[in-house]
Amino acid sequence: MENLLGLLRIHIQKGVNLAVRDVRSSDPYVVVRMGRQSVFDKDTFSADDKMGDAEFDIKHFLEAVKMRLEGVPNNTILTTVKPTRDNCLSEESCIVWADGKVVQDMILRLRNVELGEVELQLQWVDIPGSRGI
C-alpha cells in the first residue's frame, strides 16, 4: 500500500453520433489505455471495426489533485482545459472540486473516423493509507 498513490476512475458516460460500421448499426465498446482511448465496434460475425480514437492528457488533472483542497467550497472550478490541436477535446473542460473529489468531465472528438464523440468523466479517489501524490 505504501507505493499506491490513489485511484484514477474513468467513467465512460456515452458515445454520441458514432459511425455506423455494420449494415444497420454498430455495437461500440471502448478500450482505455493510459493517455489514449479507442472505440471499436464489437461484432460477433466479423472482425471488430475501428470506430475512431481519441487522446487526452491528464497533466492538468494531476496538478489539481496535488493541490491542498481542504476547505475549498464544493463545485469550485480548479482549472480549465481548452481544446487545442494537441488534444481531442470538443469543448472546454473544467476540473472541479466536487463532493470531496477532483472531477473532470470531457467530450472527446474521435479521430480517424468521419464523426463521433465520447463523453467521459475522470475522478480521483484517495485510498486510505496511501501516500498521495
Protein backbone atom coordinates (compact mmCIF):
# COMPACT_ATOMS: atom_id res chain seq x y z
CA MET A 1 0.00 0.00 0.00
CA GLU A 2 2.92 2.37 0.58
CA ASN A 3 3.51 2.75 -3.19
CA LEU A 4 -0.16 3.33 -4.02
CA LEU A 5 -0.92 6.96 -4.79
CA GLY A 6 -4.67 6.75 -5.34
CA LEU A 7 -7.11 5.62 -7.97
CA LEU A 8 -7.97 7.30 -11.29
CA ARG A 9 -11.56 6.35 -12.08
CA ILE A 10 -12.62 6.79 -15.71
CA HIS A 11 -16.37 6.65 -16.28
CA ILE A 12 -17.41 6.40 -19.94
CA GLN A 13 -20.75 8.20 -19.99
CA LYS A 14 -21.82 7.81 -23.61
CA GLY A 15 -20.91 7.86 -27.26
CA VAL A 16 -22.53 10.50 -29.48
CA ASN A 17 -23.05 10.29 -33.26
CA LEU A 18 -20.79 7.25 -33.57
CA ALA A 19 -20.09 5.96 -37.06
CA VAL A 20 -22.15 3.01 -38.29
CA ARG A 21 -19.87 0.13 -39.28
CA ASP A 22 -22.36 -2.74 -39.71
CA VAL A 23 -25.35 -2.89 -42.06
CA ARG A 24 -27.78 -1.03 -39.78
CA SER A 25 -25.97 -0.20 -36.57
CA SER A 26 -22.89 -0.91 -34.51
CA ASP A 27 -22.13 -2.35 -31.08
CA PRO A 28 -19.37 0.02 -29.93
CA TYR A 29 -17.14 -0.52 -26.95
CA VAL A 30 -14.27 1.48 -25.50
CA VAL A 31 -10.69 0.41 -24.88
CA VAL A 32 -8.86 2.71 -22.48
CA ARG A 33 -5.07 2.88 -22.43
CA MET A 34 -3.21 5.31 -20.24
CA GLY A 35 -3.30 8.51 -22.25
CA ARG A 36 -5.32 7.03 -25.13
CA GLN A 37 -8.84 5.96 -25.82
CA SER A 38 -10.11 3.92 -28.76
CA VAL A 39 -13.62 2.93 -29.74
CA PHE A 40 -14.33 -0.30 -31.58
CA ASP A 41 -17.42 -1.99 -32.98
CA LYS A 42 -17.92 -5.33 -31.19
CA ASP A 43 -19.05 -7.72 -33.88
CA THR A 44 -19.93 -11.37 -33.40
CA PHE A 45 -19.82 -12.29 -37.08
CA SER A 46 -16.72 -10.48 -38.36
CA ALA A 47 -13.62 -8.72 -37.12
CA ASP A 48 -14.11 -5.64 -34.94
CA ASP A 49 -14.16 -2.40 -36.90
CA LYS A 50 -12.20 0.56 -35.58
CA MET A 51 -14.61 3.42 -34.89
CA GLY A 52 -12.10 6.14 -34.09
CA ASP A 53 -9.61 7.08 -31.42
CA ALA A 54 -9.03 9.98 -29.08
CA GLU A 55 -6.16 11.12 -26.92
CA PHE A 56 -6.16 13.28 -23.83
CA ASP A 57 -3.57 14.44 -21.31
CA ILE A 58 -4.13 14.13 -17.56
CA LYS A 59 -1.31 16.54 -16.61
CA HIS A 60 -3.66 19.37 -15.56
CA PHE A 61 -5.88 16.86 -13.73
CA LEU A 62 -2.94 15.52 -11.71
CA GLU A 63 -1.78 19.06 -10.92
CA ALA A 64 -5.25 19.73 -9.46
CA VAL A 65 -5.07 16.50 -7.42
CA LYS A 66 -1.79 17.73 -5.86
CA MET A 67 -3.39 20.98 -4.60
CA ARG A 68 -4.26 21.36 -0.94
CA LEU A 69 -8.04 21.44 -1.22
CA GLU A 70 -9.15 21.27 2.41
CA GLY A 71 -11.79 23.95 3.00
CA VAL A 72 -12.35 24.64 -0.71
CA PRO A 73 -16.09 25.15 -1.39
CA ASN A 74 -17.95 22.40 -3.25
CA ASN A 75 -18.13 22.78 -7.06
CA THR A 76 -15.14 25.13 -7.21
CA ILE A 77 -13.50 25.18 -10.65
CA LEU A 78 -9.81 24.43 -10.07
CA THR A 79 -8.64 24.90 -13.65
CA THR A 80 -9.95 24.83 -17.20
CA VAL A 81 -8.51 22.92 -20.15
CA LYS A 82 -9.17 24.38 -23.59
CA PRO A 83 -9.37 22.44 -26.86
CA THR A 84 -6.16 22.61 -28.88
CA ARG A 85 -4.60 20.88 -31.86
CA ASP A 86 -2.77 18.60 -29.41
CA ASN A 87 -5.86 17.25 -27.62
CA CYS A 88 -9.16 15.82 -28.81
CA LEU A 89 -11.40 17.99 -26.65
CA SER A 90 -14.56 19.12 -28.43
CA GLU A 91 -15.09 21.93 -25.94
CA GLU A 92 -13.57 23.49 -22.85
CA SER A 93 -13.27 21.06 -19.92
CA CYS A 94 -13.33 22.19 -16.28
CA ILE A 95 -11.55 20.39 -13.44
CA VAL A 96 -13.75 20.77 -10.39
CA TRP A 97 -13.63 20.05 -6.65
CA ALA A 98 -16.94 18.25 -6.13
CA ASP A 99 -18.07 16.26 -3.09
CA GLY A 100 -14.52 15.96 -1.79
CA LYS A 101 -13.07 14.69 -5.10
CA VAL A 102 -11.27 16.14 -8.09
CA VAL A 103 -13.52 15.57 -11.12
CA GLN A 104 -13.20 16.39 -14.83
CA ASP A 105 -15.97 15.95 -17.40
CA MET A 106 -14.83 15.98 -21.02
CA ILE A 107 -16.13 15.42 -24.51
CA LEU A 108 -13.57 13.90 -26.87
CA ARG A 109 -13.90 14.18 -30.63
CA LEU A 110 -12.91 10.89 -32.26
CA ARG A 111 -10.10 10.98 -34.82
CA ASN A 112 -9.53 8.83 -37.90
CA VAL A 113 -13.26 8.46 -38.46
CA GLU A 114 -15.89 10.59 -40.17
CA LEU A 115 -17.79 11.51 -36.97
CA GLY A 116 -18.34 10.70 -33.34
CA GLU A 117 -17.62 11.82 -29.80
CA VAL A 118 -17.19 10.12 -26.44
CA GLU A 119 -18.25 11.75 -23.19
CA LEU A 120 -16.32 10.69 -20.11
CA GLN A 121 -15.53 11.70 -16.57
CA LEU A 122 -12.23 11.45 -14.69
CA GLN A 123 -12.37 11.22 -10.92
CA TRP A 124 -9.53 10.91 -8.41
CA VAL A 125 -10.16 8.61 -5.45
CA ASP A 126 -7.84 8.84 -2.45
CA ILE A 127 -7.00 5.46 -0.94
CA PRO A 128 -6.80 5.42 2.88
CA GLY A 129 -3.21 4.69 3.89
CA SER A 130 -1.75 5.74 0.55
CA ARG A 131 0.99 8.34 0.44
CA GLY A 132 -0.92 10.53 -2.03
CA ILE A 133 0.53 12.39 -4.97
